[in-house]
């Protein structure tokens, strides 16, 4: 896999981990102070164990908007939602925290990774697409080296 590697060509888990590490290393993504106390949704019992979970969520949102542009906070809340346990009654789907998603999107907009779409929602900017594809190429190179 040479020059034309995109985000769609690599393993999603490997890409999100690599891009989250890149965001943390760059130190430019503003992380809210409340992230160590916050849950990712009302349906969760505990906050995430990973102290870098905000970077992972921001990387996952960037990947999601790369693949499916023009999604807004409401759509992403549904995507990152999960089962609400209701005791003995059947579970129902609950939406994820909108504040977490909103702050991640705003941070990625400050880095010029995302931009507002004319159709509503957000999309990956040209500079953002270049950066995401660069990270994807690094991940593809690591995967080829690991398999060899």
N, C-alpha and C. Protein backbone atom coordinates (compact mmCIF):
# COMPACT_ATOMS: atom_id res chain seq x y z
N UNK A 1 0.85 -1.18 0.00
CA UNK A 1 0.00 0.00 0.00
C UNK A 1 0.89 1.24 0.00
N UNK A 2 0.93 1.89 -1.09
CA UNK A 2 1.83 3.04 -1.21
C UNK A 2 1.06 4.35 -1.06
N UNK A 3 1.28 5.29 -1.95
CA UNK A 3 0.83 6.68 -1.81
C UNK A 3 -0.65 6.91 -1.64
N UNK A 4 -1.51 6.08 -2.21
CA UNK A 4 -2.93 6.37 -2.21
C UNK A 4 -3.72 5.79 -1.05
N UNK A 5 -3.13 5.66 0.11
CA UNK A 5 -3.82 5.07 1.25
C UNK A 5 -4.72 6.13 1.90
N UNK A 6 -5.97 5.76 2.13
CA UNK A 6 -6.90 6.66 2.81
C UNK A 6 -7.37 6.02 4.11
N UNK A 7 -8.16 6.76 4.85
CA UNK A 7 -8.69 6.27 6.12
C UNK A 7 -9.54 5.02 5.91
N UNK A 8 -10.22 4.93 4.77
CA UNK A 8 -11.09 3.80 4.49
C UNK A 8 -10.32 2.50 4.26
N UNK A 9 -9.02 2.61 3.97
CA UNK A 9 -8.22 1.44 3.62
C UNK A 9 -7.61 0.72 4.82
N UNK A 10 -7.63 1.36 6.00
CA UNK A 10 -6.94 0.78 7.16
C UNK A 10 -7.94 0.33 8.21
N UNK A 11 -7.47 -0.51 9.12
CA UNK A 11 -8.28 -0.99 10.22
C UNK A 11 -8.74 0.19 11.08
N UNK A 12 -10.04 0.26 11.37
CA UNK A 12 -10.59 1.41 12.08
C UNK A 12 -10.01 1.52 13.49
N UNK A 13 -9.87 0.40 14.19
CA UNK A 13 -9.35 0.43 15.55
C UNK A 13 -7.91 0.94 15.58
N UNK A 14 -7.09 0.45 14.66
CA UNK A 14 -5.69 0.87 14.59
C UNK A 14 -5.60 2.35 14.24
N UNK A 15 -6.46 2.81 13.32
CA UNK A 15 -6.42 4.21 12.93
C UNK A 15 -6.81 5.12 14.09
N UNK A 16 -7.90 4.78 14.79
CA UNK A 16 -8.37 5.63 15.89
C UNK A 16 -7.31 5.70 16.99
N UNK A 17 -6.68 4.57 17.30
CA UNK A 17 -5.61 4.58 18.32
C UNK A 17 -4.45 5.47 17.87
N UNK A 18 -4.05 5.35 16.61
CA UNK A 18 -2.91 6.13 16.11
C UNK A 18 -3.24 7.62 16.07
N UNK A 19 -4.46 7.96 15.63
CA UNK A 19 -4.82 9.38 15.53
C UNK A 19 -5.01 9.98 16.92
N UNK A 20 -5.54 9.21 17.87
CA UNK A 20 -5.67 9.70 19.25
C UNK A 20 -4.28 9.97 19.83
N UNK A 21 -3.33 9.08 19.57
CA UNK A 21 -1.96 9.30 20.05
C UNK A 21 -1.36 10.55 19.41
N UNK A 22 -1.65 10.77 18.13
CA UNK A 22 -1.16 11.96 17.43
C UNK A 22 -1.75 13.23 18.04
N UNK A 23 -3.06 13.20 18.33
CA UNK A 23 -3.71 14.37 18.93
C UNK A 23 -3.12 14.67 20.31
N UNK A 24 -2.87 13.62 21.09
CA UNK A 24 -2.31 13.82 22.42
C UNK A 24 -0.89 14.37 22.33
N UNK A 25 -0.09 13.80 21.41
CA UNK A 25 1.31 14.22 21.28
C UNK A 25 1.42 15.66 20.80
N UNK A 26 0.51 16.08 19.91
CA UNK A 26 0.57 17.45 19.40
C UNK A 26 0.21 18.45 20.50
N UNK A 27 -0.66 18.05 21.43
CA UNK A 27 -1.02 18.92 22.54
C UNK A 27 -1.87 20.11 22.17
N UNK A 28 -2.43 20.13 20.96
CA UNK A 28 -3.20 21.28 20.49
C UNK A 28 -4.69 21.14 20.72
N UNK A 29 -5.17 19.91 20.91
CA UNK A 29 -6.60 19.71 21.12
C UNK A 29 -6.97 20.14 22.54
N UNK A 30 -7.87 21.13 22.66
CA UNK A 30 -8.26 21.56 24.02
C UNK A 30 -9.14 20.51 24.68
N UNK A 31 -8.69 20.02 25.83
CA UNK A 31 -9.43 19.00 26.58
C UNK A 31 -10.10 19.69 27.77
N UNK A 32 -11.43 19.58 27.89
CA UNK A 32 -12.11 20.21 29.03
C UNK A 32 -11.62 19.65 30.36
N UNK A 33 -11.67 20.49 31.39
CA UNK A 33 -11.18 20.08 32.70
C UNK A 33 -12.05 18.99 33.32
N UNK A 34 -13.31 18.91 32.94
CA UNK A 34 -14.24 17.98 33.57
C UNK A 34 -14.15 16.57 33.01
N UNK A 35 -13.25 16.31 32.09
CA UNK A 35 -13.23 14.98 31.45
C UNK A 35 -12.87 13.85 32.41
N UNK A 36 -12.12 14.14 33.48
CA UNK A 36 -11.78 13.05 34.39
C UNK A 36 -12.97 12.62 35.25
N UNK A 37 -14.00 13.44 35.31
CA UNK A 37 -15.18 13.12 36.12
C UNK A 37 -16.39 12.70 35.27
N UNK A 38 -16.38 13.02 33.99
CA UNK A 38 -17.57 12.86 33.15
C UNK A 38 -17.76 11.42 32.68
N UNK A 39 -19.02 11.06 32.47
CA UNK A 39 -19.36 9.81 31.81
C UNK A 39 -19.58 10.14 30.34
N UNK A 40 -19.55 9.13 29.49
CA UNK A 40 -19.75 9.37 28.06
C UNK A 40 -21.22 9.29 27.67
N UNK A 41 -22.08 8.98 28.63
CA UNK A 41 -23.51 8.94 28.37
C UNK A 41 -24.27 8.66 29.64
N UNK A 42 -25.54 9.00 29.66
CA UNK A 42 -26.35 8.79 30.86
C UNK A 42 -26.57 7.31 31.13
N UNK A 43 -26.40 6.47 30.13
CA UNK A 43 -26.62 5.03 30.29
C UNK A 43 -25.42 4.31 30.89
N UNK A 44 -24.31 5.02 31.09
CA UNK A 44 -23.12 4.43 31.67
C UNK A 44 -23.17 4.54 33.19
N UNK A 45 -22.58 3.55 33.87
CA UNK A 45 -22.50 3.61 35.32
C UNK A 45 -21.26 4.35 35.78
N UNK A 46 -20.14 4.16 35.04
CA UNK A 46 -18.86 4.74 35.44
C UNK A 46 -18.26 5.55 34.31
N UNK A 47 -17.33 6.42 34.66
CA UNK A 47 -16.58 7.14 33.63
C UNK A 47 -15.55 6.19 33.02
N UNK A 48 -14.99 6.52 31.86
CA UNK A 48 -14.03 5.62 31.22
C UNK A 48 -12.77 5.42 32.06
N UNK A 49 -12.21 4.22 31.98
CA UNK A 49 -10.98 3.91 32.71
C UNK A 49 -9.77 4.57 32.07
N UNK A 50 -9.78 4.69 30.75
CA UNK A 50 -8.66 5.27 30.02
C UNK A 50 -8.58 6.77 30.28
N UNK A 51 -7.47 7.28 30.81
CA UNK A 51 -7.39 8.73 31.06
C UNK A 51 -7.37 9.55 29.76
N UNK A 52 -7.04 8.92 28.64
CA UNK A 52 -6.98 9.62 27.35
C UNK A 52 -8.23 9.38 26.51
N UNK A 53 -9.35 9.08 27.15
CA UNK A 53 -10.56 8.72 26.41
C UNK A 53 -11.06 9.88 25.53
N UNK A 54 -10.83 11.11 25.93
CA UNK A 54 -11.33 12.24 25.14
C UNK A 54 -10.64 12.29 23.78
N UNK A 55 -9.34 11.99 23.74
CA UNK A 55 -8.61 11.96 22.48
C UNK A 55 -9.14 10.83 21.58
N UNK A 56 -9.45 9.70 22.20
CA UNK A 56 -9.98 8.56 21.43
C UNK A 56 -11.34 8.92 20.85
N UNK A 57 -12.20 9.57 21.64
CA UNK A 57 -13.52 9.96 21.13
C UNK A 57 -13.39 10.98 20.00
N UNK A 58 -12.48 11.96 20.15
CA UNK A 58 -12.26 12.96 19.10
C UNK A 58 -11.75 12.30 17.82
N UNK A 59 -10.84 11.33 17.96
CA UNK A 59 -10.31 10.62 16.79
C UNK A 59 -11.41 9.81 16.12
N UNK A 60 -12.27 9.17 16.91
CA UNK A 60 -13.36 8.38 16.36
C UNK A 60 -14.36 9.27 15.63
N UNK A 61 -14.62 10.45 16.19
CA UNK A 61 -15.54 11.39 15.54
C UNK A 61 -14.95 11.86 14.22
N UNK A 62 -13.65 12.18 14.20
CA UNK A 62 -13.00 12.62 12.96
C UNK A 62 -13.09 11.52 11.90
N UNK A 63 -12.85 10.27 12.29
CA UNK A 63 -12.95 9.16 11.33
C UNK A 63 -14.38 9.00 10.84
N UNK A 64 -15.34 9.09 11.74
CA UNK A 64 -16.74 8.94 11.36
C UNK A 64 -17.15 10.01 10.35
N UNK A 65 -16.74 11.26 10.60
CA UNK A 65 -17.10 12.34 9.68
C UNK A 65 -16.33 12.25 8.37
N UNK A 66 -15.17 11.60 8.37
CA UNK A 66 -14.44 11.36 7.12
C UNK A 66 -15.25 10.41 6.24
N UNK A 67 -15.80 9.37 6.85
CA UNK A 67 -16.52 8.35 6.10
C UNK A 67 -17.95 8.80 5.79
N UNK A 68 -18.62 9.44 6.75
CA UNK A 68 -19.99 9.90 6.56
C UNK A 68 -20.09 11.38 6.89
N UNK A 69 -19.78 12.25 5.91
CA UNK A 69 -19.81 13.69 6.18
C UNK A 69 -21.22 14.21 6.43
N UNK A 70 -21.29 15.44 6.90
CA UNK A 70 -22.55 16.16 7.14
C UNK A 70 -23.35 15.62 8.31
N UNK A 71 -22.71 14.94 9.23
CA UNK A 71 -23.40 14.48 10.44
C UNK A 71 -23.26 15.57 11.50
N UNK A 72 -24.29 15.72 12.30
CA UNK A 72 -24.27 16.71 13.36
C UNK A 72 -24.15 16.05 14.72
N UNK A 73 -24.28 16.86 15.76
CA UNK A 73 -24.14 16.36 17.12
C UNK A 73 -25.22 15.33 17.42
N UNK A 74 -26.46 15.57 16.98
CA UNK A 74 -27.56 14.66 17.25
C UNK A 74 -27.32 13.28 16.64
N UNK A 75 -26.84 13.25 15.41
CA UNK A 75 -26.56 11.96 14.76
C UNK A 75 -25.42 11.23 15.47
N UNK A 76 -24.40 11.97 15.88
CA UNK A 76 -23.28 11.34 16.56
C UNK A 76 -23.68 10.86 17.95
N UNK A 77 -24.61 11.54 18.60
CA UNK A 77 -25.10 11.07 19.90
C UNK A 77 -25.74 9.69 19.75
N UNK A 78 -26.47 9.49 18.66
CA UNK A 78 -27.10 8.20 18.41
C UNK A 78 -26.04 7.13 18.12
N UNK A 79 -25.03 7.48 17.33
CA UNK A 79 -23.98 6.53 16.96
C UNK A 79 -23.22 6.05 18.19
N UNK A 80 -22.87 6.97 19.08
CA UNK A 80 -22.06 6.62 20.24
C UNK A 80 -22.90 6.27 21.46
N UNK A 81 -24.21 6.15 21.28
CA UNK A 81 -25.10 5.73 22.36
C UNK A 81 -24.98 4.25 22.62
N UNK A 82 -25.81 3.76 23.52
CA UNK A 82 -25.74 2.35 23.86
C UNK A 82 -26.97 1.90 24.62
N UNK A 83 -26.93 0.69 25.15
CA UNK A 83 -28.12 0.14 25.83
C UNK A 83 -28.30 0.72 27.23
N UNK A 84 -29.46 1.25 27.48
CA UNK A 84 -29.82 1.73 28.82
C UNK A 84 -30.42 0.56 29.57
N UNK A 85 -29.77 0.14 30.64
CA UNK A 85 -30.27 -0.98 31.45
C UNK A 85 -31.40 -0.45 32.33
N UNK A 86 -32.51 -1.17 32.33
CA UNK A 86 -33.68 -0.71 33.07
C UNK A 86 -34.14 -1.74 34.09
N UNK A 87 -33.20 -2.39 34.72
CA UNK A 87 -33.55 -3.38 35.73
C UNK A 87 -34.11 -4.63 35.09
N UNK A 88 -35.31 -5.04 35.52
CA UNK A 88 -35.90 -6.27 34.98
C UNK A 88 -36.60 -6.03 33.65
N UNK A 89 -36.79 -4.78 33.29
CA UNK A 89 -37.43 -4.48 32.01
C UNK A 89 -36.41 -4.57 30.87
N UNK A 90 -36.86 -4.70 29.62
CA UNK A 90 -35.93 -4.79 28.50
C UNK A 90 -35.12 -3.49 28.33
N UNK A 91 -33.92 -3.62 27.81
CA UNK A 91 -33.08 -2.44 27.58
C UNK A 91 -33.62 -1.63 26.41
N UNK A 92 -33.35 -0.33 26.43
CA UNK A 92 -33.67 0.58 25.33
C UNK A 92 -32.40 1.31 24.95
N UNK A 93 -32.37 1.82 23.73
CA UNK A 93 -31.21 2.59 23.29
C UNK A 93 -31.25 3.97 23.93
N UNK A 94 -30.09 4.41 24.42
CA UNK A 94 -29.97 5.75 24.99
C UNK A 94 -28.87 6.48 24.22
N UNK A 95 -29.01 7.79 24.09
CA UNK A 95 -28.03 8.58 23.36
C UNK A 95 -26.83 8.89 24.24
N UNK A 96 -25.70 9.14 23.58
CA UNK A 96 -24.47 9.50 24.29
C UNK A 96 -24.53 10.96 24.72
N UNK A 97 -23.55 11.37 25.49
CA UNK A 97 -23.48 12.74 25.99
C UNK A 97 -23.22 13.71 24.83
N UNK A 98 -24.08 14.69 24.69
CA UNK A 98 -23.93 15.69 23.64
C UNK A 98 -22.79 16.65 23.93
N UNK A 99 -22.54 16.93 25.20
CA UNK A 99 -21.49 17.87 25.58
C UNK A 99 -20.12 17.34 25.18
N UNK A 100 -19.88 16.06 25.41
CA UNK A 100 -18.60 15.45 25.06
C UNK A 100 -18.38 15.56 23.55
N UNK A 101 -19.39 15.21 22.78
CA UNK A 101 -19.29 15.25 21.32
C UNK A 101 -19.11 16.69 20.83
N UNK A 102 -19.87 17.60 21.41
CA UNK A 102 -19.79 19.01 21.01
C UNK A 102 -18.40 19.58 21.25
N UNK A 103 -17.84 19.31 22.43
CA UNK A 103 -16.50 19.83 22.76
C UNK A 103 -15.43 19.20 21.86
N UNK A 104 -15.57 17.92 21.53
CA UNK A 104 -14.62 17.27 20.63
C UNK A 104 -14.69 17.89 19.23
N UNK A 105 -15.90 18.14 18.76
CA UNK A 105 -16.07 18.75 17.44
C UNK A 105 -15.50 20.16 17.43
N UNK A 106 -15.78 20.93 18.46
CA UNK A 106 -15.26 22.30 18.53
C UNK A 106 -13.74 22.31 18.58
N UNK A 107 -13.15 21.37 19.31
CA UNK A 107 -11.70 21.28 19.36
C UNK A 107 -11.10 20.92 18.01
N UNK A 108 -11.74 19.99 17.30
CA UNK A 108 -11.25 19.60 15.97
C UNK A 108 -11.45 20.73 14.97
N UNK A 109 -12.48 21.56 15.16
CA UNK A 109 -12.66 22.73 14.29
C UNK A 109 -11.55 23.75 14.53
N UNK A 110 -11.13 23.92 15.77
CA UNK A 110 -10.04 24.85 16.06
C UNK A 110 -8.73 24.40 15.40
N UNK A 111 -8.56 23.10 15.25
CA UNK A 111 -7.36 22.56 14.59
C UNK A 111 -7.50 22.52 13.07
N UNK A 112 -8.62 23.00 12.55
CA UNK A 112 -8.92 23.00 11.11
C UNK A 112 -9.00 21.59 10.53
N UNK A 113 -9.42 20.63 11.35
CA UNK A 113 -9.66 19.28 10.86
C UNK A 113 -11.08 19.19 10.33
N UNK A 114 -12.02 19.80 11.04
CA UNK A 114 -13.42 19.80 10.64
C UNK A 114 -13.85 21.21 10.27
N UNK A 115 -14.92 21.28 9.49
CA UNK A 115 -15.53 22.57 9.14
C UNK A 115 -17.03 22.39 9.08
N UNK A 116 -17.76 23.49 9.22
CA UNK A 116 -19.22 23.43 9.13
C UNK A 116 -19.61 23.14 7.69
N UNK A 117 -20.65 22.34 7.52
CA UNK A 117 -21.12 21.97 6.19
C UNK A 117 -22.29 22.86 5.81
N UNK A 118 -22.44 23.11 4.52
CA UNK A 118 -23.56 23.92 4.05
C UNK A 118 -24.88 23.19 4.26
N UNK A 119 -24.86 21.86 4.27
CA UNK A 119 -26.07 21.06 4.45
C UNK A 119 -26.41 20.85 5.93
N UNK A 120 -25.64 21.46 6.81
CA UNK A 120 -25.83 21.23 8.23
C UNK A 120 -24.87 20.17 8.70
N UNK A 121 -24.50 20.21 9.95
CA UNK A 121 -23.55 19.24 10.46
C UNK A 121 -22.12 19.66 10.17
N UNK A 122 -21.21 18.72 10.26
CA UNK A 122 -19.80 18.99 10.04
C UNK A 122 -19.24 18.04 8.99
N UNK A 123 -18.12 18.45 8.42
CA UNK A 123 -17.40 17.61 7.47
C UNK A 123 -15.91 17.84 7.65
N UNK A 124 -15.11 16.93 7.11
CA UNK A 124 -13.67 17.04 7.22
C UNK A 124 -13.20 18.07 6.19
N UNK A 125 -12.34 19.00 6.62
CA UNK A 125 -11.81 20.02 5.71
C UNK A 125 -10.73 19.40 4.83
N UNK A 126 -10.26 20.15 3.84
CA UNK A 126 -9.20 19.65 2.96
C UNK A 126 -7.91 19.39 3.74
N UNK A 127 -7.56 20.33 4.62
CA UNK A 127 -6.36 20.15 5.44
C UNK A 127 -6.54 18.96 6.38
N UNK A 128 -7.74 18.79 6.91
CA UNK A 128 -8.03 17.67 7.78
C UNK A 128 -7.94 16.35 7.05
N UNK A 129 -8.43 16.32 5.82
CA UNK A 129 -8.36 15.08 5.03
C UNK A 129 -6.91 14.71 4.76
N UNK A 130 -6.09 15.72 4.47
CA UNK A 130 -4.67 15.46 4.24
C UNK A 130 -4.02 14.86 5.48
N UNK A 131 -4.32 15.43 6.65
CA UNK A 131 -3.73 14.93 7.89
C UNK A 131 -4.21 13.52 8.23
N UNK A 132 -5.52 13.28 8.08
CA UNK A 132 -6.06 11.96 8.38
C UNK A 132 -5.49 10.90 7.43
N UNK A 133 -5.34 11.24 6.16
CA UNK A 133 -4.76 10.29 5.20
C UNK A 133 -3.29 10.03 5.51
N UNK A 134 -2.59 11.04 6.01
CA UNK A 134 -1.18 10.87 6.38
C UNK A 134 -1.06 9.87 7.54
N UNK A 135 -1.92 10.02 8.54
CA UNK A 135 -1.92 9.09 9.68
C UNK A 135 -2.30 7.68 9.20
N UNK A 136 -3.28 7.60 8.28
CA UNK A 136 -3.70 6.30 7.74
C UNK A 136 -2.56 5.62 7.00
N UNK A 137 -1.76 6.40 6.27
CA UNK A 137 -0.62 5.82 5.56
C UNK A 137 0.41 5.27 6.54
N UNK A 138 0.61 5.97 7.66
CA UNK A 138 1.53 5.47 8.68
C UNK A 138 1.02 4.16 9.29
N UNK A 139 -0.29 4.10 9.54
CA UNK A 139 -0.88 2.89 10.10
C UNK A 139 -0.75 1.73 9.11
N UNK A 140 -1.00 1.99 7.83
CA UNK A 140 -0.87 0.95 6.81
C UNK A 140 0.56 0.44 6.72
N UNK A 141 1.51 1.36 6.83
CA UNK A 141 2.92 0.98 6.78
C UNK A 141 3.27 0.09 7.98
N UNK A 142 2.78 0.45 9.17
CA UNK A 142 3.01 -0.36 10.37
C UNK A 142 2.39 -1.75 10.23
N UNK A 143 1.19 -1.82 9.62
CA UNK A 143 0.53 -3.11 9.45
C UNK A 143 1.31 -4.00 8.48
N UNK A 144 1.87 -3.41 7.42
CA UNK A 144 2.65 -4.18 6.47
C UNK A 144 3.93 -4.68 7.12
N UNK A 145 4.57 -3.82 7.92
CA UNK A 145 5.81 -4.23 8.60
C UNK A 145 5.53 -5.32 9.63
N UNK A 146 4.39 -5.23 10.32
CA UNK A 146 4.06 -6.23 11.34
C UNK A 146 3.75 -7.59 10.72
N UNK A 147 3.15 -7.58 9.53
CA UNK A 147 2.81 -8.85 8.89
C UNK A 147 4.00 -9.49 8.20
N UNK A 148 5.05 -8.70 7.92
CA UNK A 148 6.21 -9.24 7.20
C UNK A 148 7.16 -9.99 8.11
